Amino acid sequence: PWLTTDTAATGSLTAMEITQKIDVRSVAPVLFIGLVVIA
């Protein structure tokens, strides 16, 4: 869980679910490509 809410229907949001709700195209590729390059 990256985010938690008081709403029972939502509960918590993982990182994958956050990317589906908001536009994080400016950050997500940096983190993913960074993981691959570091590995």
PDB file of all heavy atoms in Angstrom:
ATOM      1  N   PRO A   1       0.831  -1.226   0.000  1.00  0.00           N
ATOM      2  CA  PRO A   1       0.000   0.000   0.000  1.00  0.00           C
ATOM      3  C   PRO A   1       0.856   1.261   0.000  1.00  0.00           C
ATOM      4  O   PRO A   1       1.764   1.396   0.828  1.00  0.00           O
ATOM      5  CB  PRO A   1      -0.800  -0.124   1.301  1.00  0.00           C
ATOM      6  CG  PRO A   1      -0.761  -1.567   1.652  1.00  0.00           C
ATOM      7  CD  PRO A   1       0.554  -2.075   1.181  1.00  0.00           C
ATOM      8  N   TRP A   2       0.606   2.138  -0.942  1.00  0.00           N
ATOM      9  CA  TRP A   2       1.278   3.432  -0.981  1.00  0.00           C
ATOM     10  C   TRP A   2       0.378   4.536  -0.440  1.00  0.00           C
ATOM     11  O   TRP A   2       0.871   5.531   0.083  1.00  0.00           O
ATOM     12  CB  TRP A   2       1.703   3.760  -2.420  1.00  0.00           C
ATOM     13  CG  TRP A   2       2.963   3.053  -2.827  1.00  0.00           C
ATOM     14  CD1 TRP A   2       3.257   1.735  -2.654  1.00  0.00           C
ATOM     15  CD2 TRP A   2       4.097   3.631  -3.480  1.00  0.00           C
ATOM     16  NE1 TRP A   2       4.492   1.444  -3.160  1.00  0.00           N
ATOM     17  CE2 TRP A   2       5.030   2.594  -3.681  1.00  0.00           C
ATOM     18  CE3 TRP A   2       4.404   4.906  -3.938  1.00  0.00           C
ATOM     19  CZ2 TRP A   2       6.265   2.797  -4.304  1.00  0.00           C
ATOM     20  CZ3 TRP A   2       5.626   5.113  -4.567  1.00  0.00           C
ATOM     21  CH2 TRP A   2       6.544   4.074  -4.742  1.00  0.00           C
ATOM     22  N   LEU A   3      -0.924   4.346  -0.569  1.00  0.00           N
ATOM     23  CA  LEU A   3      -1.895   5.300  -0.040  1.00  0.00           C
ATOM     24  C   LEU A   3      -2.999   4.523   0.662  1.00  0.00           C
ATOM     25  O   LEU A   3      -3.385   3.433   0.214  1.00  0.00           O
ATOM     26  CB  LEU A   3      -2.499   6.164  -1.155  1.00  0.00           C
ATOM     27  CG  LEU A   3      -1.588   7.170  -1.869  1.00  0.00           C
ATOM     28  CD1 LEU A   3      -2.342   7.836  -3.012  1.00  0.00           C
ATOM     29  CD2 LEU A   3      -1.047   8.206  -0.901  1.00  0.00           C
ATOM     30  N   THR A   4      -3.491   5.056   1.740  1.00  0.00           N
ATOM     31  CA  THR A   4      -4.629   4.469   2.448  1.00  0.00           C
ATOM     32  C   THR A   4      -5.729   5.527   2.551  1.00  0.00           C
ATOM     33  O   THR A   4      -5.451   6.731   2.620  1.00  0.00           O
ATOM     34  CB  THR A   4      -4.223   4.007   3.852  1.00  0.00           C
ATOM     35  OG1 THR A   4      -3.683   5.115   4.593  1.00  0.00           O
ATOM     36  CG2 THR A   4      -3.191   2.895   3.781  1.00  0.00           C
ATOM     37  N   THR A   5      -6.949   5.051   2.567  1.00  0.00           N
ATOM     38  CA  THR A   5      -8.110   5.945   2.671  1.00  0.00           C
ATOM     39  C   THR A   5      -9.050   5.413   3.745  1.00  0.00           C
ATOM     40  O   THR A   5      -8.964   4.249   4.159  1.00  0.00           O
ATOM     41  CB  THR A   5      -8.863   6.031   1.332  1.00  0.00           C
ATOM     42  OG1 THR A   5      -9.392   4.736   1.004  1.00  0.00           O
ATOM     43  CG2 THR A   5      -7.941   6.496   0.216  1.00  0.00           C
ATOM     44  N   ASP A   6      -9.932   6.278   4.187  1.00  0.00           N
ATOM     45  CA  ASP A   6     -10.931   5.881   5.174  1.00  0.00           C
ATOM     46  C   ASP A   6     -12.153   5.242   4.521  1.00  0.00           C
ATOM     47  O   ASP A   6     -13.033   4.734   5.224  1.00  0.00           O
ATOM     48  CB  ASP A   6     -11.367   7.106   5.997  1.00  0.00           C
ATOM     49  CG  ASP A   6     -10.203   7.688   6.796  1.00  0.00           C
ATOM     50  OD1 ASP A   6      -9.294   6.899   7.144  1.00  0.00           O
ATOM     51  OD2 ASP A   6     -10.205   8.903   7.053  1.00  0.00           O
ATOM     52  N   THR A   7     -12.206   5.274   3.214  1.00  0.00           N
ATOM     53  CA  THR A   7     -13.336   4.698   2.502  1.00  0.00           C
ATOM     54  C   THR A   7     -13.161   3.190   2.394  1.00  0.00           C
ATOM     55  O   THR A   7     -12.101   2.708   1.950  1.00  0.00           O
ATOM     56  CB  THR A   7     -13.468   5.291   1.095  1.00  0.00           C
ATOM     57  OG1 THR A   7     -13.505   6.721   1.207  1.00  0.00           O
ATOM     58  CG2 THR A   7     -14.720   4.799   0.411  1.00  0.00           C
ATOM     59  N   ALA A   8     -14.159   2.445   2.788  1.00  0.00           N
ATOM     60  CA  ALA A   8     -14.053   0.983   2.766  1.00  0.00           C
ATOM     61  C   ALA A   8     -13.933   0.456   1.345  1.00  0.00           C
ATOM     62  O   ALA A   8     -13.265  -0.549   1.088  1.00  0.00           O
ATOM     63  CB  ALA A   8     -15.271   0.360   3.449  1.00  0.00           C
ATOM     64  N   ALA A   9     -14.574   1.120   0.398  1.00  0.00           N
ATOM     65  CA  ALA A   9     -14.527   0.640  -0.983  1.00  0.00           C
ATOM     66  C   ALA A   9     -13.136   0.792  -1.573  1.00  0.00           C
ATOM     67  O   ALA A   9     -12.693  -0.052  -2.360  1.00  0.00           O
ATOM     68  CB  ALA A   9     -15.547   1.401  -1.831  1.00  0.00           C
ATOM     69  N   THR A  10     -12.464   1.860  -1.203  1.00  0.00           N
ATOM     70  CA  THR A  10     -11.119   2.097  -1.748  1.00  0.00           C
ATOM     71  C   THR A  10     -10.057   1.376  -0.932  1.00  0.00           C
ATOM     72  O   THR A  10      -9.208   0.684  -1.471  1.00  0.00           O
ATOM     73  CB  THR A  10     -10.824   3.608  -1.798  1.00  0.00           C
ATOM     74  OG1 THR A  10     -11.858   4.266  -2.517  1.00  0.00           O
ATOM     75  CG2 THR A  10      -9.492   3.865  -2.455  1.00  0.00           C
ATOM     76  N   GLY A  11     -10.118   1.544   0.385  1.00  0.00           N
ATOM     77  CA  GLY A  11      -9.147   0.878   1.255  1.00  0.00           C
ATOM     78  C   GLY A  11      -7.759   1.435   1.076  1.00  0.00           C
ATOM     79  O   GLY A  11      -7.427   2.489   1.615  1.00  0.00           O
ATOM     80  N   SER A  12      -6.928   0.762   0.319  1.00  0.00           N
ATOM     81  CA  SER A  12      -5.558   1.206   0.087  1.00  0.00           C
ATOM     82  C   SER A  12      -5.238   1.114  -1.394  1.00  0.00           C
ATOM     83  O   SER A  12      -5.875   0.377  -2.149  1.00  0.00           O
ATOM     84  CB  SER A  12      -4.572   0.348   0.883  1.00  0.00           C
ATOM     85  OG  SER A  12      -4.661  -1.013   0.486  1.00  0.00           O
ATOM     86  N   LEU A  13      -4.240   1.873  -1.793  1.00  0.00           N
ATOM     87  CA  LEU A  13      -3.809   1.907  -3.192  1.00  0.00           C
ATOM     88  C   LEU A  13      -2.345   1.524  -3.275  1.00  0.00           C
ATOM     89  O   LEU A  13      -1.507   2.082  -2.546  1.00  0.00           O
ATOM     90  CB  LEU A  13      -4.012   3.298  -3.790  1.00  0.00           C
ATOM     91  CG  LEU A  13      -5.450   3.820  -3.887  1.00  0.00           C
ATOM     92  CD1 LEU A  13      -5.452   5.261  -4.375  1.00  0.00           C
ATOM     93  CD2 LEU A  13      -6.273   2.943  -4.815  1.00  0.00           C
ATOM     94  N   THR A  14      -2.023   0.567  -4.143  1.00  0.00           N
ATOM     95  CA  THR A  14      -0.635   0.215  -4.385  1.00  0.00           C
ATOM     96  C   THR A  14      -0.041   1.163  -5.423  1.00  0.00           C
ATOM     97  O   THR A  14      -0.741   2.001  -5.991  1.00  0.00           O
ATOM     98  CB  THR A  14      -0.521  -1.242  -4.871  1.00  0.00           C
ATOM     99  OG1 THR A  14      -1.182  -1.350  -6.148  1.00  0.00           O
ATOM    100  CG2 THR A  14      -1.163  -2.204  -3.883  1.00  0.00           C
ATOM    101  N   ALA A  15       1.247   1.003  -5.668  1.00  0.00           N
ATOM    102  CA  ALA A  15       1.895   1.852  -6.655  1.00  0.00           C
ATOM    103  C   ALA A  15       1.306   1.628  -8.045  1.00  0.00           C
ATOM    104  O   ALA A  15       1.156   2.572  -8.829  1.00  0.00           O
ATOM    105  CB  ALA A  15       3.402   1.572  -6.667  1.00  0.00           C
ATOM    106  N   MET A  16       0.974   0.393  -8.365  1.00  0.00           N
ATOM    107  CA  MET A  16       0.379   0.099  -9.668  1.00  0.00           C
ATOM    108  C   MET A  16      -0.999   0.748  -9.798  1.00  0.00           C
ATOM    109  O   MET A  16      -1.351   1.248 -10.868  1.00  0.00           O
ATOM    110  CB  MET A  16       0.276  -1.408  -9.869  1.00  0.00           C
ATOM    111  CG  MET A  16       1.608  -2.130  -9.812  1.00  0.00           C
ATOM    112  SD  MET A  16       2.743  -1.600 -11.125  1.00  0.00           S
ATOM    113  CE  MET A  16       1.883  -2.215 -12.553  1.00  0.00           C
ATOM    114  N   GLU A  17      -1.769   0.740  -8.731  1.00  0.00           N
ATOM    115  CA  GLU A  17      -3.105   1.340  -8.773  1.00  0.00           C
ATOM    116  C   GLU A  17      -3.035   2.864  -8.837  1.00  0.00           C
ATOM    117  O   GLU A  17      -3.908   3.502  -9.431  1.00  0.00           O
ATOM    118  CB  GLU A  17      -3.909   0.891  -7.560  1.00  0.00           C
ATOM    119  CG  GLU A  17      -4.228  -0.596  -7.572  1.00  0.00           C
ATOM    120  CD  GLU A  17      -4.832  -1.075  -6.261  1.00  0.00           C
ATOM    121  OE1 GLU A  17      -4.640  -0.375  -5.232  1.00  0.00           O
ATOM    122  OE2 GLU A  17      -5.486  -2.126  -6.262  1.00  0.00           O
ATOM    123  N   ILE A  18      -2.002   3.438  -8.230  1.00  0.00           N
ATOM    124  CA  ILE A  18      -1.840   4.890  -8.288  1.00  0.00           C
ATOM    125  C   ILE A  18      -1.597   5.335  -9.727  1.00  0.00           C
ATOM    126  O   ILE A  18      -2.137   6.345 -10.188  1.00  0.00           O
ATOM    127  CB  ILE A  18      -0.706   5.346  -7.363  1.00  0.00           C
ATOM    128  CG1 ILE A  18      -1.105   5.156  -5.901  1.00  0.00           C
ATOM    129  CG2 ILE A  18      -0.361   6.815  -7.605  1.00  0.00           C
ATOM    130  CD1 ILE A  18      -0.006   5.508  -4.930  1.00  0.00           C
ATOM    131  N   THR A  19      -0.791   4.585 -10.460  1.00  0.00           N
ATOM    132  CA  THR A  19      -0.504   4.955 -11.849  1.00  0.00           C
ATOM    133  C   THR A  19      -1.743   4.874 -12.727  1.00  0.00           C
ATOM    134  O   THR A  19      -1.791   5.511 -13.789  1.00  0.00           O
ATOM    135  CB  THR A  19       0.588   4.039 -12.426  1.00  0.00           C
ATOM    136  OG1 THR A  19       0.149   2.675 -12.353  1.00  0.00           O
ATOM    137  CG2 THR A  19       1.881   4.178 -11.653  1.00  0.00           C
ATOM    138  N   GLN A  20      -2.739   4.100 -12.319  1.00  0.00           N
ATOM    139  CA  GLN A  20      -3.973   4.014 -13.085  1.00  0.00           C
ATOM    140  C   GLN A  20      -4.930   5.168 -12.780  1.00  0.00           C
ATOM    141  O   GLN A  20      -5.808   5.472 -13.585  1.00  0.00           O
ATOM    142  CB  GLN A  20      -4.670   2.686 -12.794  1.00  0.00           C
ATOM    143  CG  GLN A  20      -3.856   1.468 -13.228  1.00  0.00           C
ATOM    144  CD  GLN A  20      -4.487   0.166 -12.784  1.00  0.00           C
ATOM    145  OE1 GLN A  20      -5.568   0.162 -12.184  1.00  0.00           O
ATOM    146  NE2 GLN A  20      -3.834  -0.946 -13.080  1.00  0.00           N
ATOM    147  N   LYS A  21      -4.747   5.794 -11.634  1.00  0.00           N
ATOM    148  CA  LYS A  21      -5.638   6.878 -11.225  1.00  0.00           C
ATOM    149  C   LYS A  21      -5.111   8.257 -11.580  1.00  0.00           C
ATOM    150  O   LYS A  21      -5.879   9.180 -11.829  1.00  0.00           O
ATOM    151  CB  LYS A  21      -5.902   6.803  -9.717  1.00  0.00           C
ATOM    152  CG  LYS A  21      -6.826   5.648  -9.310  1.00  0.00           C
ATOM    153  CD  LYS A  21      -7.093   5.700  -7.823  1.00  0.00           C
ATOM    154  CE  LYS A  21      -8.145   4.665  -7.437  1.00  0.00           C
ATOM    155  NZ  LYS A  21      -9.478   4.987  -8.021  1.00  0.00           N
ATOM    156  N   ILE A  22      -3.825   8.430 -11.574  1.00  0.00           N
ATOM    157  CA  ILE A  22      -3.233   9.743 -11.821  1.00  0.00           C
ATOM    158  C   ILE A  22      -2.190   9.625 -12.922  1.00  0.00           C
ATOM    159  O   ILE A  22      -1.734   8.534 -13.272  1.00  0.00           O
ATOM    160  CB  ILE A  22      -2.587  10.329 -10.545  1.00  0.00           C
ATOM    161  CG1 ILE A  22      -1.480   9.392 -10.034  1.00  0.00           C
ATOM    162  CG2 ILE A  22      -3.625  10.545  -9.468  1.00  0.00           C
ATOM    163  CD1 ILE A  22      -0.755   9.917  -8.831  1.00  0.00           C
ATOM    164  N   ASP A  23      -1.798  10.755 -13.447  1.00  0.00           N
ATOM    165  CA  ASP A  23      -0.806  10.806 -14.515  1.00  0.00           C
ATOM    166  C   ASP A  23       0.574  11.007 -13.896  1.00  0.00           C
ATOM    167  O   ASP A  23       0.897  12.097 -13.422  1.00  0.00           O
ATOM    168  CB  ASP A  23      -1.122  11.959 -15.477  1.00  0.00           C
ATOM    169  CG  ASP A  23      -0.170  11.989 -16.664  1.00  0.00           C
ATOM    170  OD1 ASP A  23       0.572  11.000 -16.838  1.00  0.00           O
ATOM    171  OD2 ASP A  23      -0.180  12.993 -17.406  1.00  0.00           O
ATOM    172  N   VAL A  24       1.367   9.949 -13.891  1.00  0.00           N
ATOM    173  CA  VAL A  24       2.725  10.036 -13.344  1.00  0.00           C
ATOM    174  C   VAL A  24       3.748   9.682 -14.414  1.00  0.00           C
ATOM    175  O   VAL A  24       4.784   9.094 -14.148  1.00  0.00           O
ATOM    176  CB  VAL A  24       2.884   9.104 -12.121  1.00  0.00           C
ATOM    177  CG1 VAL A  24       2.103   9.612 -10.936  1.00  0.00           C
ATOM    178  CG2 VAL A  24       2.450   7.683 -12.486  1.00  0.00           C
ATOM    179  N   ARG A  25       3.436  10.048 -15.643  1.00  0.00           N
ATOM    180  CA  ARG A  25       4.336   9.720 -16.735  1.00  0.00           C
ATOM    181  C   ARG A  25       5.676  10.424 -16.624  1.00  0.00           C
ATOM    182  O   ARG A  25       6.655  10.009 -17.249  1.00  0.00           O
ATOM    183  CB  ARG A  25       3.672  10.072 -18.076  1.00  0.00           C
ATOM    184  CG  ARG A  25       2.559   9.118 -18.476  1.00  0.00           C
ATOM    185  CD  ARG A  25       1.869   9.565 -19.744  1.00  0.00           C
ATOM    186  NE  ARG A  25       1.183  10.837 -19.574  1.00  0.00           N
ATOM    187  CZ  ARG A  25       0.497  11.440 -20.538  1.00  0.00           C
ATOM    188  NH1 ARG A  25       0.419  10.890 -21.737  1.00  0.00           N
ATOM    189  NH2 ARG A  25      -0.113  12.583 -20.301  1.00  0.00           N
ATOM    190  N   SER A  26       5.753  11.490 -15.841  1.00  0.00           N
ATOM    191  CA  SER A  26       7.024  12.198 -15.702  1.00  0.00           C
ATOM    192  C   SER A  26       7.947  11.553 -14.684  1.00  0.00           C
ATOM    193  O   SER A  26       9.141  11.829 -14.675  1.00  0.00           O
ATOM    194  CB  SER A  26       6.760  13.650 -15.277  1.00  0.00           C
ATOM    195  OG  SER A  26       6.064  13.682 -14.035  1.00  0.00           O
ATOM    196  N   VAL A  27       7.419  10.688 -13.823  1.00  0.00           N
ATOM    197  CA  VAL A  27       8.224  10.089 -12.755  1.00  0.00           C
ATOM    198  C   VAL A  27       8.377   8.587 -12.932  1.00  0.00           C
ATOM    199  O   VAL A  27       9.474   8.044 -12.773  1.00  0.00           O
ATOM    200  CB  VAL A  27       7.607  10.397 -11.374  1.00  0.00           C
ATOM    201  CG1 VAL A  27       8.427   9.754 -10.269  1.00  0.00           C
ATOM    202  CG2 VAL A  27       7.507  11.903 -11.161  1.00  0.00           C
ATOM    203  N   ALA A  28       7.295   7.904 -13.278  1.00  0.00           N
ATOM    204  CA  ALA A  28       7.324   6.445 -13.354  1.00  0.00           C
ATOM    205  C   ALA A  28       8.395   5.909 -14.301  1.00  0.00           C
ATOM    206  O   ALA A  28       9.106   4.960 -13.948  1.00  0.00           O
ATOM    207  CB  ALA A  28       5.943   5.922 -13.742  1.00  0.00           C
ATOM    208  N   PRO A  29       8.558   6.456 -15.515  1.00  0.00           N
ATOM    209  CA  PRO A  29       9.618   5.916 -16.380  1.00  0.00           C
ATOM    210  C   PRO A  29      11.009   6.069 -15.795  1.00  0.00           C
ATOM    211  O   PRO A  29      11.866   5.209 -15.992  1.00  0.00           O
ATOM    212  CB  PRO A  29       9.458   6.735 -17.669  1.00  0.00           C
ATOM    213  CG  PRO A  29       8.068   7.236 -17.644  1.00  0.00           C
ATOM    214  CD  PRO A  29       7.760   7.479 -16.204  1.00  0.00           C
ATOM    215  N   VAL A  30      11.247   7.169 -15.073  1.00  0.00           N
ATOM    216  CA  VAL A  30      12.563   7.371 -14.475  1.00  0.00           C
ATOM    217  C   VAL A  30      12.858   6.281 -13.457  1.00  0.00           C
ATOM    218  O   VAL A  30      13.953   5.709 -13.423  1.00  0.00           O
ATOM    219  CB  VAL A  30      12.647   8.772 -13.822  1.00  0.00           C
ATOM    220  CG1 VAL A  30      13.971   8.942 -13.086  1.00  0.00           C
ATOM    221  CG2 VAL A  30      12.471   9.857 -14.871  1.00  0.00           C
ATOM    222  N   LEU A  31      11.876   5.956 -12.628  1.00  0.00           N
ATOM    223  CA  LEU A  31      12.073   4.939 -11.605  1.00  0.00           C
ATOM    224  C   LEU A  31      12.232   3.555 -12.231  1.00  0.00           C
ATOM    225  O   LEU A  31      13.112   2.783 -11.832  1.00  0.00           O
ATOM    226  CB  LEU A  31      10.899   4.958 -10.621  1.00  0.00           C
ATOM    227  CG  LEU A  31      10.689   6.268  -9.859  1.00  0.00           C
ATOM    228  CD1 LEU A  31       9.484   6.162  -8.935  1.00  0.00           C
ATOM    229  CD2 LEU A  31      11.937   6.633  -9.066  1.00  0.00           C
ATOM    230  N   PHE A  32      11.399   3.242 -13.216  1.00  0.00           N
ATOM    231  CA  PHE A  32      11.466   1.906 -13.819  1.00  0.00           C
ATOM    232  C   PHE A  32      12.755   1.711 -14.609  1.00  0.00           C
ATOM    233  O   PHE A  32      13.460   0.703 -14.439  1.00  0.00           O
ATOM    234  CB  PHE A  32      10.253   1.696 -14.728  1.00  0.00           C
ATOM    235  CG  PHE A  32      10.272   0.374 -15.438  1.00  0.00           C
ATOM    236  CD1 PHE A  32       9.966  -0.800 -14.750  1.00  0.00           C
ATOM    237  CD2 PHE A  32      10.602   0.293 -16.777  1.00  0.00           C
ATOM    238  CE1 PHE A  32       9.993  -2.017 -15.392  1.00  0.00           C
ATOM    239  CE2 PHE A  32      10.628  -0.933 -17.424  1.00  0.00           C
ATOM    240  CZ  PHE A  32      10.318  -2.085 -16.726  1.00  0.00           C
ATOM    241  N   ILE A  33      13.076   2.682 -15.474  1.00  0.00           N
ATOM    242  CA  ILE A  33      14.310   2.578 -16.242  1.00  0.00           C
ATOM    243  C   ILE A  33      15.515   2.601 -15.316  1.00  0.00           C
ATOM    244  O   ILE A  33      16.515   1.898 -15.550  1.00  0.00           O
ATOM    245  CB  ILE A  33      14.385   3.712 -17.286  1.00  0.00           C
ATOM    246  CG1 ILE A  33      13.251   3.558 -18.301  1.00  0.00           C
ATOM    247  CG2 ILE A  33      15.726   3.702 -18.001  1.00  0.00           C
ATOM    248  CD1 ILE A  33      13.180   4.693 -19.306  1.00  0.00           C
ATOM    249  N   GLY A  34      15.429   3.390 -14.252  1.00  0.00           N
ATOM    250  CA  GLY A  34      16.521   3.418 -13.283  1.00  0.00           C
ATOM    251  C   GLY A  34      16.746   2.067 -12.637  1.00  0.00           C
ATOM    252  O   GLY A  34      17.892   1.641 -12.448  1.00  0.00           O
ATOM    253  N   LEU A  35      15.652   1.375 -12.286  1.00  0.00           N
ATOM    254  CA  LEU A  35      15.778   0.031 -11.720  1.00  0.00           C
ATOM    255  C   LEU A  35      16.495  -0.911 -12.683  1.00  0.00           C
ATOM    256  O   LEU A  35      17.396  -1.666 -12.283  1.00  0.00           O
ATOM    257  CB  LEU A  35      14.394  -0.523 -11.382  1.00  0.00           C
ATOM    258  CG  LEU A  35      13.774  -0.104 -10.050  1.00  0.00           C
ATOM    259  CD1 LEU A  35      12.335  -0.610  -9.964  1.00  0.00           C
ATOM    260  CD2 LEU A  35      14.583  -0.635  -8.887  1.00  0.00           C
ATOM    261  N   VAL A  36      16.113  -0.865 -13.946  1.00  0.00           N
ATOM    262  CA  VAL A  36      16.717  -1.760 -14.942  1.00  0.00           C
ATOM    263  C   VAL A  36      18.195  -1.430 -15.136  1.00  0.00           C
ATOM    264  O   VAL A  36      19.051  -2.332 -15.170  1.00  0.00           O
ATOM    265  CB  VAL A  36      15.952  -1.652 -16.270  1.00  0.00           C
ATOM    266  CG1 VAL A  36      16.636  -2.482 -17.357  1.00  0.00           C
ATOM    267  CG2 VAL A  36      14.510  -2.115 -16.093  1.00  0.00           C
ATOM    268  N   VAL A  37      18.513  -0.141 -15.247  1.00  0.00           N
ATOM    269  CA  VAL A  37      19.902   0.267 -15.479  1.00  0.00           C
ATOM    270  C   VAL A  37      20.780  -0.086 -14.276  1.00  0.00           C
ATOM    271  O   VAL A  37      21.901  -0.581 -14.436  1.00  0.00           O
ATOM    272  CB  VAL A  37      19.969   1.776 -15.793  1.00  0.00           C
ATOM    273  CG1 VAL A  37      21.419   2.248 -15.858  1.00  0.00           C
ATOM    274  CG2 VAL A  37      19.270   2.065 -17.108  1.00  0.00           C
ATOM    275  N   ILE A  38      20.271   0.176 -13.071  1.00  0.00           N
ATOM    276  CA  ILE A  38      21.053  -0.155 -11.874  1.00  0.00           C
ATOM    277  C   ILE A  38      21.304  -1.657 -11.798  1.00  0.00           C
ATOM    278  O   ILE A  38      22.424  -2.109 -11.510  1.00  0.00           O
ATOM    279  CB  ILE A  38      20.338   0.341 -10.609  1.00  0.00           C
ATOM    280  CG1 ILE A  38      20.243   1.858 -10.599  1.00  0.00           C
ATOM    281  CG2 ILE A  38      21.082  -0.129  -9.354  1.00  0.00           C
ATOM    282  CD1 ILE A  38      19.374   2.401  -9.483  1.00  0.00           C
ATOM    283  N   ALA A  39      20.260  -2.459 -12.041  1.00  0.00           N
ATOM    284  CA  ALA A  39      20.426  -3.918 -11.994  1.00  0.00           C
ATOM    285  C   ALA A  39      21.448  -4.388 -13.020  1.00  0.00           C
ATOM    286  O   ALA A  39      22.281  -5.265 -12.724  1.00  0.00           O
ATOM    287  CB  ALA A  39      19.080  -4.596 -12.227  1.00  0.00           C
TER     288      ALA A  39
END
